[in-house]
């Protein structure tokens, strides 16, 4: 499982790097003075695109932190054990959400 977590973490790092490049392009486009940010009839504004890139980057960083925490649990032998009740987290849940730190029951309505 650690190998899968590491692979996912690398994929997220690549996604963050792409989003950083997208952000740099948007900032350059805004800075050159030629973009009409609010009056372009051909689609979304640069502000809207920048906000979307920033939201995606924030989500990717959050997922990266969850994977880092899961790797710590792998290293200390607690991966796959619910942090709340101490019971094993079902394999199916870990396959769907490798960074899960709670079983389905304990996760309840919590966004994980």
PDB file of N, CA and C in Angstrom:
ATOM      1  N   UNK A   1       0.813  -1.191   0.000  1.00  0.00           N
ATOM      2  CA  UNK A   1       0.000   0.000   0.000  1.00  0.00           C
ATOM      3  C   UNK A   1       0.858   1.258   0.000  1.00  0.00           C
ATOM      4  N   UNK A   2       2.010   1.224   0.659  1.00  0.00           N
ATOM      5  CA  UNK A   2       2.885   2.393   0.695  1.00  0.00           C
ATOM      6  C   UNK A   2       3.298   2.799  -0.712  1.00  0.00           C
ATOM      7  N   UNK A   3       3.543   1.823  -1.560  1.00  0.00           N
ATOM      8  CA  UNK A   3       3.939   2.123  -2.941  1.00  0.00           C
ATOM      9  C   UNK A   3       2.818   2.864  -3.674  1.00  0.00           C
ATOM     10  N   UNK A   4       1.585   2.441  -3.455  1.00  0.00           N
ATOM     11  CA  UNK A   4       0.444   3.111  -4.077  1.00  0.00           C
ATOM     12  C   UNK A   4       0.298   4.530  -3.547  1.00  0.00           C
ATOM     13  N   UNK A   5       0.487   4.710  -2.256  1.00  0.00           N
ATOM     14  CA  UNK A   5       0.412   6.047  -1.665  1.00  0.00           C
ATOM     15  C   UNK A   5       1.510   6.954  -2.243  1.00  0.00           C
ATOM     16  N   UNK A   6       2.704   6.418  -2.364  1.00  0.00           N
ATOM     17  CA  UNK A   6       3.819   7.189  -2.945  1.00  0.00           C
ATOM     18  C   UNK A   6       3.516   7.563  -4.395  1.00  0.00           C
ATOM     19  N   UNK A   7       2.960   6.619  -5.149  1.00  0.00           N
ATOM     20  CA  UNK A   7       2.617   6.887  -6.551  1.00  0.00           C
ATOM     21  C   UNK A   7       1.584   7.996  -6.642  1.00  0.00           C
ATOM     22  N   UNK A   8       0.565   7.912  -5.801  1.00  0.00           N
ATOM     23  CA  UNK A   8      -0.471   8.951  -5.787  1.00  0.00           C
ATOM     24  C   UNK A   8       0.118  10.301  -5.399  1.00  0.00           C
ATOM     25  N   UNK A   9       1.036  10.287  -4.447  1.00  0.00           N
ATOM     26  CA  UNK A   9       1.669  11.539  -4.020  1.00  0.00           C
ATOM     27  C   UNK A   9       2.472  12.158  -5.163  1.00  0.00           C
ATOM     28  N   UNK A  10       3.171  11.335  -5.927  1.00  0.00           N
ATOM     29  CA  UNK A  10       3.910  11.838  -7.091  1.00  0.00           C
ATOM     30  C   UNK A  10       2.956  12.427  -8.137  1.00  0.00           C
ATOM     31  N   UNK A  11       1.827  11.769  -8.344  1.00  0.00           N
ATOM     32  CA  UNK A  11       0.831  12.290  -9.292  1.00  0.00           C
ATOM     33  C   UNK A  11       0.307  13.644  -8.836  1.00  0.00           C
ATOM     34  N   UNK A  12       0.087  13.782  -7.552  1.00  0.00           N
ATOM     35  CA  UNK A  12      -0.391  15.063  -7.023  1.00  0.00           C
ATOM     36  C   UNK A  12       0.685  16.131  -7.167  1.00  0.00           C
ATOM     37  N   UNK A  13       1.942  15.770  -6.905  1.00  0.00           N
ATOM     38  CA  UNK A  13       3.032  16.734  -7.083  1.00  0.00           C
ATOM     39  C   UNK A  13       3.086  17.217  -8.532  1.00  0.00           C
ATOM     40  N   UNK A  14       2.883  16.306  -9.479  1.00  0.00           N
ATOM     41  CA  UNK A  14       2.859  16.692 -10.892  1.00  0.00           C
ATOM     42  C   UNK A  14       1.669  17.607 -11.180  1.00  0.00           C
ATOM     43  N   UNK A  15       0.512  17.297 -10.583  1.00  0.00           N
ATOM     44  CA  UNK A  15      -0.679  18.132 -10.775  1.00  0.00           C
ATOM     45  C   UNK A  15      -0.438  19.533 -10.214  1.00  0.00           C
ATOM     46  N   UNK A  16       0.177  19.616  -9.036  1.00  0.00           N
ATOM     47  CA  UNK A  16       0.473  20.917  -8.432  1.00  0.00           C
ATOM     48  C   UNK A  16       1.440  21.699  -9.314  1.00  0.00           C
ATOM     49  N   UNK A  17       2.445  21.030  -9.857  1.00  0.00           N
ATOM     50  CA  UNK A  17       3.399  21.709 -10.742  1.00  0.00           C
ATOM     51  C   UNK A  17       2.697  22.251 -11.986  1.00  0.00           C
ATOM     52  N   UNK A  18       1.770  21.471 -12.564  1.00  0.00           N
ATOM     53  CA  UNK A  18       1.009  21.957 -13.733  1.00  0.00           C
ATOM     54  C   UNK A  18       0.161  23.168 -13.370  1.00  0.00           C
ATOM     55  N   UNK A  19      -0.479  23.092 -12.211  1.00  0.00           N
ATOM     56  CA  UNK A  19      -1.307  24.215 -11.769  1.00  0.00           C
ATOM     57  C   UNK A  19      -0.452  25.456 -11.490  1.00  0.00           C
ATOM     58  N   UNK A  20       0.743  25.259 -10.952  1.00  0.00           N
ATOM     59  CA  UNK A  20       1.658  26.389 -10.745  1.00  0.00           C
ATOM     60  C   UNK A  20       2.027  27.032 -12.078  1.00  0.00           C
ATOM     61  N   UNK A  21       2.268  26.201 -13.094  1.00  0.00           N
ATOM     62  CA  UNK A  21       2.574  26.745 -14.432  1.00  0.00           C
ATOM     63  C   UNK A  21       1.366  27.486 -15.001  1.00  0.00           C
ATOM     64  N   UNK A  22       0.169  26.901 -14.839  1.00  0.00           N
ATOM     65  CA  UNK A  22      -1.045  27.568 -15.310  1.00  0.00           C
ATOM     66  C   UNK A  22      -1.215  28.921 -14.620  1.00  0.00           C
ATOM     67  N   UNK A  23      -0.957  28.953 -13.336  1.00  0.00           N
ATOM     68  CA  UNK A  23      -1.065  30.192 -12.578  1.00  0.00           C
ATOM     69  C   UNK A  23      -0.084  31.233 -13.111  1.00  0.00           C
ATOM     70  N   UNK A  24       1.142  30.808 -13.389  1.00  0.00           N
ATOM     71  CA  UNK A  24       2.151  31.744 -13.910  1.00  0.00           C
ATOM     72  C   UNK A  24       1.717  32.312 -15.258  1.00  0.00           C
ATOM     73  N   UNK A  25       1.134  31.483 -16.115  1.00  0.00           N
ATOM     74  CA  UNK A  25       0.657  31.951 -17.422  1.00  0.00           C
ATOM     75  C   UNK A  25      -0.460  32.972 -17.237  1.00  0.00           C
ATOM     76  N   UNK A  26      -1.400  32.676 -16.355  1.00  0.00           N
ATOM     77  CA  UNK A  26      -2.506  33.606 -16.113  1.00  0.00           C
ATOM     78  C   UNK A  26      -1.997  34.934 -15.557  1.00  0.00           C
ATOM     79  N   UNK A  27      -1.050  34.874 -14.651  1.00  0.00           N
ATOM     80  CA  UNK A  27      -0.491  36.109 -14.088  1.00  0.00           C
ATOM     81  C   UNK A  27       0.248  36.904 -15.158  1.00  0.00           C
ATOM     82  N   UNK A  28       0.970  36.205 -16.025  1.00  0.00           N
ATOM     83  CA  UNK A  28       1.678  36.885 -17.113  1.00  0.00           C
ATOM     84  C   UNK A  28       0.677  37.540 -18.063  1.00  0.00           C
ATOM     85  N   UNK A  29      -0.402  36.799 -18.392  1.00  0.00           N
ATOM     86  CA  UNK A  29      -1.425  37.350 -19.281  1.00  0.00           C
ATOM     87  C   UNK A  29      -2.074  38.588 -18.674  1.00  0.00           C
ATOM     88  N   UNK A  30      -2.278  38.556 -17.402  1.00  0.00           N
ATOM     89  CA  UNK A  30      -2.901  39.706 -16.731  1.00  0.00           C
ATOM     90  C   UNK A  30      -1.925  40.880 -16.675  1.00  0.00           C
ATOM     91  N   UNK A  31      -0.670  40.612 -16.453  1.00  0.00           N
ATOM     92  CA  UNK A  31       0.325  41.663 -16.261  1.00  0.00           C
ATOM     93  C   UNK A  31       0.705  42.381 -17.549  1.00  0.00           C
ATOM     94  N   UNK A  32       0.525  41.738 -18.704  1.00  0.00           N
ATOM     95  CA  UNK A  32       0.996  42.380 -19.934  1.00  0.00           C
ATOM     96  C   UNK A  32       0.087  43.505 -20.421  1.00  0.00           C
ATOM     97  N   UNK A  33      -1.070  43.660 -19.781  1.00  0.00           N
ATOM     98  CA  UNK A  33      -1.947  44.773 -20.096  1.00  0.00           C
ATOM     99  C   UNK A  33      -2.808  44.605 -21.328  1.00  0.00           C
ATOM    100  N   UNK A  34      -2.710  43.494 -22.018  1.00  0.00           N
ATOM    101  CA  UNK A  34      -3.494  43.311 -23.238  1.00  0.00           C
ATOM    102  C   UNK A  34      -4.798  42.571 -22.996  1.00  0.00           C
ATOM    103  N   UNK A  35      -4.926  41.925 -21.849  1.00  0.00           N
ATOM    104  CA  UNK A  35      -6.142  41.144 -21.569  1.00  0.00           C
ATOM    105  C   UNK A  35      -7.226  42.050 -21.000  1.00  0.00           C
ATOM    106  N   UNK A  36      -8.397  41.941 -21.553  1.00  0.00           N
ATOM    107  CA  UNK A  36      -9.564  42.638 -21.021  1.00  0.00           C
ATOM    108  C   UNK A  36     -10.253  41.652 -20.096  1.00  0.00           C
ATOM    109  N   UNK A  37      -9.875  41.715 -18.835  1.00  0.00           N
ATOM    110  CA  UNK A  37     -10.264  40.697 -17.864  1.00  0.00           C
ATOM    111  C   UNK A  37     -11.763  40.566 -17.673  1.00  0.00           C
ATOM    112  N   UNK A  38     -12.498  41.620 -17.723  1.00  0.00           N
ATOM    113  CA  UNK A  38     -13.916  41.552 -17.395  1.00  0.00           C
ATOM    114  C   UNK A  38     -14.847  41.699 -18.594  1.00  0.00           C
ATOM    115  N   UNK A  39     -14.336  42.035 -19.761  1.00  0.00           N
ATOM    116  CA  UNK A  39     -15.217  42.335 -20.885  1.00  0.00           C
ATOM    117  C   UNK A  39     -14.986  41.453 -22.105  1.00  0.00           C
ATOM    118  N   UNK A  40     -14.366  40.319 -21.899  1.00  0.00           N
ATOM    119  CA  UNK A  40     -14.106  39.406 -23.007  1.00  0.00           C
ATOM    120  C   UNK A  40     -15.358  38.577 -23.264  1.00  0.00           C
ATOM    121  N   UNK A  41     -16.014  38.765 -24.418  1.00  0.00           N
ATOM    122  CA  UNK A  41     -17.238  38.002 -24.690  1.00  0.00           C
ATOM    123  C   UNK A  41     -16.956  36.545 -25.053  1.00  0.00           C
ATOM    124  N   UNK A  42     -15.712  36.185 -25.163  1.00  0.00           N
ATOM    125  CA  UNK A  42     -15.311  34.837 -25.599  1.00  0.00           C
ATOM    126  C   UNK A  42     -14.964  33.933 -24.431  1.00  0.00           C
ATOM    127  N   UNK A  43     -15.778  33.857 -23.431  1.00  0.00           N
ATOM    128  CA  UNK A  43     -15.508  32.886 -22.373  1.00  0.00           C
ATOM    129  C   UNK A  43     -15.253  33.516 -21.027  1.00  0.00           C
ATOM    130  N   UNK A  44     -14.580  32.739 -20.166  1.00  0.00           N
ATOM    131  CA  UNK A  44     -14.381  33.156 -18.782  1.00  0.00           C
ATOM    132  C   UNK A  44     -13.318  34.238 -18.667  1.00  0.00           C
ATOM    133  N   UNK A  45     -13.382  34.955 -17.562  1.00  0.00           N
ATOM    134  CA  UNK A  45     -12.405  36.002 -17.298  1.00  0.00           C
ATOM    135  C   UNK A  45     -11.130  35.393 -16.737  1.00  0.00           C
ATOM    136  N   UNK A  46     -10.048  36.171 -16.814  1.00  0.00           N
ATOM    137  CA  UNK A  46      -8.799  35.707 -16.210  1.00  0.00           C
ATOM    138  C   UNK A  46      -8.975  35.528 -14.702  1.00  0.00           C
ATOM    139  N   UNK A  47      -9.762  36.404 -14.088  1.00  0.00           N
ATOM    140  CA  UNK A  47     -10.006  36.276 -12.642  1.00  0.00           C
ATOM    141  C   UNK A  47     -10.691  34.952 -12.333  1.00  0.00           C
ATOM    142  N   UNK A  48     -11.686  34.599 -13.128  1.00  0.00           N
ATOM    143  CA  UNK A  48     -12.384  33.334 -12.927  1.00  0.00           C
ATOM    144  C   UNK A  48     -11.463  32.146 -13.121  1.00  0.00           C
ATOM    145  N   UNK A  49     -10.624  32.214 -14.138  1.00  0.00           N
ATOM    146  CA  UNK A  49      -9.677  31.117 -14.385  1.00  0.00           C
ATOM    147  C   UNK A  49      -8.662  31.025 -13.255  1.00  0.00           C
ATOM    148  N   UNK A  50      -8.190  32.178 -12.788  1.00  0.00           N
ATOM    149  CA  UNK A  50      -7.211  32.174 -11.708  1.00  0.00           C
ATOM    150  C   UNK A  50      -7.826  31.579 -10.437  1.00  0.00           C
ATOM    151  N   UNK A  51      -9.068  31.958 -10.127  1.00  0.00           N
ATOM    152  CA  UNK A  51      -9.733  31.404  -8.947  1.00  0.00           C
ATOM    153  C   UNK A  51      -9.905  29.892  -9.060  1.00  0.00           C
ATOM    154  N   UNK A  52     -10.211  29.415 -10.262  1.00  0.00           N
ATOM    155  CA  UNK A  52     -10.359  27.978 -10.463  1.00  0.00           C
ATOM    156  C   UNK A  52      -9.029  27.263 -10.266  1.00  0.00           C
ATOM    157  N   UNK A  53      -7.954  27.806 -10.833  1.00  0.00           N
ATOM    158  CA  UNK A  53      -6.627  27.202 -10.667  1.00  0.00           C
ATOM    159  C   UNK A  53      -6.250  27.180  -9.189  1.00  0.00           C
ATOM    160  N   UNK A  54      -6.518  28.280  -8.495  1.00  0.00           N
ATOM    161  CA  UNK A  54      -6.171  28.351  -7.069  1.00  0.00           C
ATOM    162  C   UNK A  54      -6.965  27.329  -6.251  1.00  0.00           C
ATOM    163  N   UNK A  55      -8.243  27.163  -6.559  1.00  0.00           N
ATOM    164  CA  UNK A  55      -9.057  26.172  -5.843  1.00  0.00           C
ATOM    165  C   UNK A  55      -8.549  24.754  -6.099  1.00  0.00           C
ATOM    166  N   UNK A  56      -8.197  24.457  -7.336  1.00  0.00           N
ATOM    167  CA  UNK A  56      -7.663  23.132  -7.662  1.00  0.00           C
ATOM    168  C   UNK A  56      -6.330  22.892  -6.967  1.00  0.00           C
ATOM    169  N   UNK A  57      -5.504  23.928  -6.915  1.00  0.00           N
ATOM    170  CA  UNK A  57      -4.202  23.807  -6.257  1.00  0.00           C
ATOM    171  C   UNK A  57      -4.386  23.585  -4.749  1.00  0.00           C
ATOM    172  N   UNK A  58      -5.303  24.313  -4.137  1.00  0.00           N
ATOM    173  CA  UNK A  58      -5.586  24.136  -2.706  1.00  0.00           C
ATOM    174  C   UNK A  58      -6.061  22.713  -2.417  1.00  0.00           C
ATOM    175  N   UNK A  59      -6.952  22.189  -3.264  1.00  0.00           N
ATOM    176  CA  UNK A  59      -7.460  20.824  -3.082  1.00  0.00           C
ATOM    177  C   UNK A  59      -6.336  19.803  -3.236  1.00  0.00           C
ATOM    178  N   UNK A  60      -5.459  20.017  -4.208  1.00  0.00           N
ATOM    179  CA  UNK A  60      -4.346  19.088  -4.433  1.00  0.00           C
ATOM    180  C   UNK A  60      -3.387  19.103  -3.245  1.00  0.00           C
ATOM    181  N   UNK A  61      -3.120  20.281  -2.706  1.00  0.00           N
ATOM    182  CA  UNK A  61      -2.233  20.364  -1.539  1.00  0.00           C
ATOM    183  C   UNK A  61      -2.851  19.677  -0.329  1.00  0.00           C
ATOM    184  N   UNK A  62      -4.154  19.815  -0.170  1.00  0.00           N
ATOM    185  CA  UNK A  62      -4.840  19.145   0.933  1.00  0.00           C
ATOM    186  C   UNK A  62      -4.750  17.628   0.772  1.00  0.00           C
ATOM    187  N   UNK A  63      -4.966  17.156  -0.449  1.00  0.00           N
ATOM    188  CA  UNK A  63      -4.855  15.713  -0.710  1.00  0.00           C
ATOM    189  C   UNK A  63      -3.431  15.235  -0.453  1.00  0.00           C
ATOM    190  N   UNK A  64      -2.452  16.056  -0.802  1.00  0.00           N
ATOM    191  CA  UNK A  64      -1.042  15.711  -0.577  1.00  0.00           C
ATOM    192  C   UNK A  64      -0.779  15.549   0.912  1.00  0.00           C
ATOM    193  N   UNK A  65      -1.335  16.458   1.737  1.00  0.00           N
ATOM    194  CA  UNK A  65      -1.163  16.360   3.182  1.00  0.00           C
ATOM    195  C   UNK A  65      -1.807  15.086   3.737  1.00  0.00           C
ATOM    196  N   UNK A  66      -2.977  14.730   3.211  1.00  0.00           N
ATOM    197  CA  UNK A  66      -3.643  13.498   3.652  1.00  0.00           C
ATOM    198  C   UNK A  66      -2.788  12.279   3.320  1.00  0.00           C
ATOM    199  N   UNK A  67      -2.183  12.276   2.136  1.00  0.00           N
ATOM    200  CA  UNK A  67      -1.332  11.150   1.745  1.00  0.00           C
ATOM    201  C   UNK A  67      -0.072  11.107   2.598  1.00  0.00           C
ATOM    202  N   UNK A  68       0.504  12.263   2.900  1.00  0.00           N
ATOM    203  CA  UNK A  68       1.673  12.300   3.783  1.00  0.00           C
ATOM    204  C   UNK A  68       1.333  11.696   5.143  1.00  0.00           C
ATOM    205  N   UNK A  69       0.152  12.062   5.669  1.00  0.00           N
ATOM    206  CA  UNK A  69      -0.276  11.524   6.966  1.00  0.00           C
ATOM    207  C   UNK A  69      -0.484  10.009   6.878  1.00  0.00           C
ATOM    208  N   UNK A  70      -1.031   9.548   5.760  1.00  0.00           N
ATOM    209  CA  UNK A  70      -1.223   8.102   5.573  1.00  0.00           C
ATOM    210  C   UNK A  70       0.119   7.380   5.540  1.00  0.00           C
ATOM    211  N   UNK A  71       1.113   7.977   4.904  1.00  0.00           N
ATOM    212  CA  UNK A  71       2.443   7.356   4.858  1.00  0.00           C
ATOM    213  C   UNK A  71       3.074   7.297   6.249  1.00  0.00           C
ATOM    214  N   UNK A  72       2.810   8.289   7.073  1.00  0.00           N
ATOM    215  CA  UNK A  72       3.289   8.243   8.460  1.00  0.00           C
ATOM    216  C   UNK A  72       2.630   7.074   9.182  1.00  0.00           C
ATOM    217  N   UNK A  73       1.322   6.880   8.946  1.00  0.00           N
ATOM    218  CA  UNK A  73       0.618   5.752   9.582  1.00  0.00           C
ATOM    219  C   UNK A  73       1.167   4.417   9.082  1.00  0.00           C
ATOM    220  N   UNK A  74       1.529   4.350   7.798  1.00  0.00           N
ATOM    221  CA  UNK A  74       2.152   3.119   7.283  1.00  0.00           C
ATOM    222  C   UNK A  74       3.448   2.865   8.047  1.00  0.00           C
ATOM    223  N   UNK A  75       4.269   3.889   8.182  1.00  0.00           N
ATOM    224  CA  UNK A  75       5.575   3.748   8.840  1.00  0.00           C
ATOM    225  C   UNK A  75       5.451   3.350  10.301  1.00  0.00           C
ATOM    226  N   UNK A  76       4.424   3.879  10.988  1.00  0.00           N
ATOM    227  CA  UNK A  76       4.314   3.539  12.416  1.00  0.00           C
ATOM    228  C   UNK A  76       3.383   2.355  12.689  1.00  0.00           C
ATOM    229  N   UNK A  77       2.884   1.737  11.605  1.00  0.00           N
ATOM    230  CA  UNK A  77       2.101   0.520  11.760  1.00  0.00           C
ATOM    231  C   UNK A  77       0.632   0.733  12.090  1.00  0.00           C
ATOM    232  N   UNK A  78       0.138   1.957  11.946  1.00  0.00           N
ATOM    233  CA  UNK A  78      -1.266   2.217  12.266  1.00  0.00           C
ATOM    234  C   UNK A  78      -2.129   2.435  11.022  1.00  0.00           C
ATOM    235  N   UNK A  79      -1.552   2.284   9.849  1.00  0.00           N
ATOM    236  CA  UNK A  79      -2.333   2.465   8.622  1.00  0.00           C
ATOM    237  C   UNK A  79      -3.424   1.401   8.564  1.00  0.00           C
ATOM    238  N   UNK A  80      -4.618   1.822   8.206  1.00  0.00           N
ATOM    239  CA  UNK A  80      -5.727   0.879   8.090  1.00  0.00           C
ATOM    240  C   UNK A  80      -6.475   0.646   9.389  1.00  0.00           C
ATOM    241  N   UNK A  81      -6.107   1.396  10.420  1.00  0.00           N
ATOM    242  CA  UNK A  81      -6.791   1.293  11.709  1.00  0.00           C
ATOM    243  C   UNK A  81      -7.493   2.623  11.960  1.00  0.00           C
ATOM    244  N   UNK A  82      -8.778   2.556  12.262  1.00  0.00           N
ATOM    245  CA  UNK A  82      -9.588   3.751  12.488  1.00  0.00           C
ATOM    246  C   UNK A  82      -9.036   4.551  13.671  1.00  0.00           C
ATOM    247  N   UNK A  83      -8.844   5.844  13.459  1.00  0.00           N
ATOM    248  CA  UNK A  83      -8.338   6.713  14.520  1.00  0.00           C
ATOM    249  C   UNK A  83      -9.339   6.916  15.648  1.00  0.00           C
ATOM    250  N   UNK A  84     -10.615   6.699  15.377  1.00  0.00           N
ATOM    251  CA  UNK A  84     -11.628   6.917  16.413  1.00  0.00           C
ATOM    252  C   UNK A  84     -11.953   5.661  17.214  1.00  0.00           C
ATOM    253  N   UNK A  85     -12.265   4.565  16.513  1.00  0.00           N
ATOM    254  CA  UNK A  85     -12.719   3.368  17.230  1.00  0.00           C
ATOM    255  C   UNK A  85     -11.646   2.286  17.356  1.00  0.00           C
ATOM    256  N   UNK A  86     -10.565   2.417  16.582  1.00  0.00           N
ATOM    257  CA  UNK A  86      -9.475   1.449  16.676  1.00  0.00           C
ATOM    258  C   UNK A  86      -9.706   0.160  15.908  1.00  0.00           C
ATOM    259  N   UNK A  87     -10.843   0.051  15.214  1.00  0.00           N
ATOM    260  CA  UNK A  87     -11.110  -1.143  14.404  1.00  0.00           C
ATOM    261  C   UNK A  87     -10.454  -0.998  13.041  1.00  0.00           C
ATOM    262  N   UNK A  88     -10.255  -2.128  12.366  1.00  0.00           N
ATOM    263  CA  UNK A  88      -9.678  -2.063  11.020  1.00  0.00           C
ATOM    264  C   UNK A  88     -10.603  -1.325  10.048  1.00  0.00           C
ATOM    265  N   UNK A  89      -9.989  -0.541   9.172  1.00  0.00           N
ATOM    266  CA  UNK A  89     -10.734   0.119   8.096  1.00  0.00           C
ATOM    267  C   UNK A  89     -10.855  -0.904   6.976  1.00  0.00           C
ATOM    268  N   UNK A  90     -12.049  -1.150   6.461  1.00  0.00           N
ATOM    269  CA  UNK A  90     -12.215  -2.159   5.409  1.00  0.00           C
ATOM    270  C   UNK A  90     -11.320  -1.866   4.193  1.00  0.00           C
ATOM    271  N   UNK A  91     -10.776  -2.927   3.635  1.00  0.00           N
ATOM    272  CA  UNK A  91      -9.886  -2.821   2.480  1.00  0.00           C
ATOM    273  C   UNK A  91     -10.558  -2.066   1.335  1.00  0.00           C
ATOM    274  N   UNK A  92     -11.853  -2.319   1.145  1.00  0.00           N
ATOM    275  CA  UNK A  92     -12.575  -1.646   0.067  1.00  0.00           C
ATOM    276  C   UNK A  92     -12.552  -0.122   0.252  1.00  0.00           C
ATOM    277  N   UNK A  93     -12.663   0.325   1.492  1.00  0.00           N
ATOM    278  CA  UNK A  93     -12.602   1.771   1.755  1.00  0.00           C
ATOM    279  C   UNK A  93     -11.204   2.300   1.463  1.00  0.00           C
ATOM    280  N   UNK A  94     -10.189   1.569   1.876  1.00  0.00           N
ATOM    281  CA  UNK A  94      -8.815   2.009   1.630  1.00  0.00           C
ATOM    282  C   UNK A  94      -8.494   2.003   0.137  1.00  0.00           C
ATOM    283  N   UNK A  95      -9.099   1.081  -0.601  1.00  0.00           N
ATOM    284  CA  UNK A  95      -8.885   1.088  -2.046  1.00  0.00           C
ATOM    285  C   UNK A  95      -9.535   2.316  -2.680  1.00  0.00           C
ATOM    286  N   UNK A  96     -10.703   2.687  -2.177  1.00  0.00           N
ATOM    287  CA  UNK A  96     -11.406   3.850  -2.711  1.00  0.00           C
ATOM    288  C   UNK A  96     -10.786   5.156  -2.218  1.00  0.00           C
ATOM    289  N   UNK A  97     -10.358   5.181  -0.960  1.00  0.00           N
ATOM    290  CA  UNK A  97      -9.783   6.377  -0.334  1.00  0.00           C
ATOM    291  C   UNK A  97      -8.532   5.963   0.424  1.00  0.00           C
ATOM    292  N   UNK A  98      -7.416   5.837  -0.269  1.00  0.00           N
ATOM    293  CA  UNK A  98      -6.197   5.326   0.362  1.00  0.00           C
ATOM    294  C   UNK A  98      -5.726   6.119   1.586  1.00  0.00           C
ATOM    295  N   UNK A  99      -6.090   7.368   1.671  1.00  0.00           N
ATOM    296  CA  UNK A  99      -5.658   8.173   2.816  1.00  0.00           C
ATOM    297  C   UNK A  99      -6.669   8.162   3.957  1.00  0.00           C
ATOM    298  N   UNK A 100      -7.718   7.361   3.848  1.00  0.00           N
ATOM    299  CA  UNK A 100      -8.756   7.323   4.885  1.00  0.00           C
ATOM    300  C   UNK A 100      -8.130   6.987   6.234  1.00  0.00           C
ATOM    301  N   UNK A 101      -8.560   7.727   7.255  1.00  0.00           N
ATOM    302  CA  UNK A 101      -8.046   7.462   8.602  1.00  0.00           C
ATOM    303  C   UNK A 101      -9.154   7.053   9.571  1.00  0.00           C
ATOM    304  N   UNK A 102     -10.372   6.913   9.027  1.00  0.00           N
ATOM    305  CA  UNK A 102     -11.507   6.470   9.825  1.00  0.00           C
ATOM    306  C   UNK A 102     -12.325   5.456   9.047  1.00  0.00           C
ATOM    307  N   UNK A 103     -12.952   4.563   9.767  1.00  0.00           N
ATOM    308  CA  UNK A 103     -13.851   3.609   9.118  1.00  0.00           C
ATOM    309  C   UNK A 103     -15.105   4.352   8.656  1.00  0.00           C
ATOM    310  N   UNK A 104     -15.928   3.718   7.865  1.00  0.00           N
ATOM    311  CA  UNK A 104     -17.122   4.357   7.337  1.00  0.00           C
ATOM    312  C   UNK A 104     -18.041   4.813   8.465  1.00  0.00           C
ATOM    313  N   UNK A 105     -18.215   3.993   9.463  1.00  0.00           N
ATOM    314  CA  UNK A 105     -19.096   4.331  10.587  1.00  0.00           C
ATOM    315  C   UNK A 105     -18.625   5.584  11.302  1.00  0.00           C
ATOM    316  N   UNK A 106     -17.335   5.643  11.619  1.00  0.00           N
ATOM    317  CA  UNK A 106     -16.802   6.797  12.352  1.00  0.00           C
ATOM    318  C   UNK A 106     -16.708   8.044  11.462  1.00  0.00           C
ATOM    319  N   UNK A 107     -16.484   7.830  10.186  1.00  0.00           N
ATOM    320  CA  UNK A 107     -16.417   8.979   9.274  1.00  0.00           C
ATOM    321  C   UNK A 107     -17.769   9.645   9.179  1.00  0.00           C
ATOM    322  N   UNK A 108     -18.839   8.814   9.285  1.00  0.00           N
ATOM    323  CA  UNK A 108     -20.200   9.337   9.274  1.00  0.00           C
ATOM    324  C   UNK A 108     -20.417  10.382   8.208  1.00  0.00           C
ATOM    325  N   UNK A 109     -20.878  11.536   8.587  1.00  0.00           N
ATOM    326  CA  UNK A 109     -21.107  12.629   7.655  1.00  0.00           C
ATOM    327  C   UNK A 109     -19.882  13.479   7.429  1.00  0.00           C
ATOM    328  N   UNK A 110     -18.786  13.122   8.051  1.00  0.00           N
ATOM    329  CA  UNK A 110     -17.548  13.876   7.931  1.00  0.00           C
ATOM    330  C   UNK A 110     -16.967  13.750   6.531  1.00  0.00           C
ATOM    331  N   UNK A 111     -16.524  14.839   5.932  1.00  0.00           N
ATOM    332  CA  UNK A 111     -15.893  14.808   4.608  1.00  0.00           C
ATOM    333  C   UNK A 111     -14.450  14.402   4.788  1.00  0.00           C
ATOM    334  N   UNK A 112     -14.070  13.274   4.182  1.00  0.00           N
ATOM    335  CA  UNK A 112     -12.724  12.743   4.357  1.00  0.00           C
ATOM    336  C   UNK A 112     -12.012  12.597   3.076  1.00  0.00           C
TER     337      UNK A 112
END
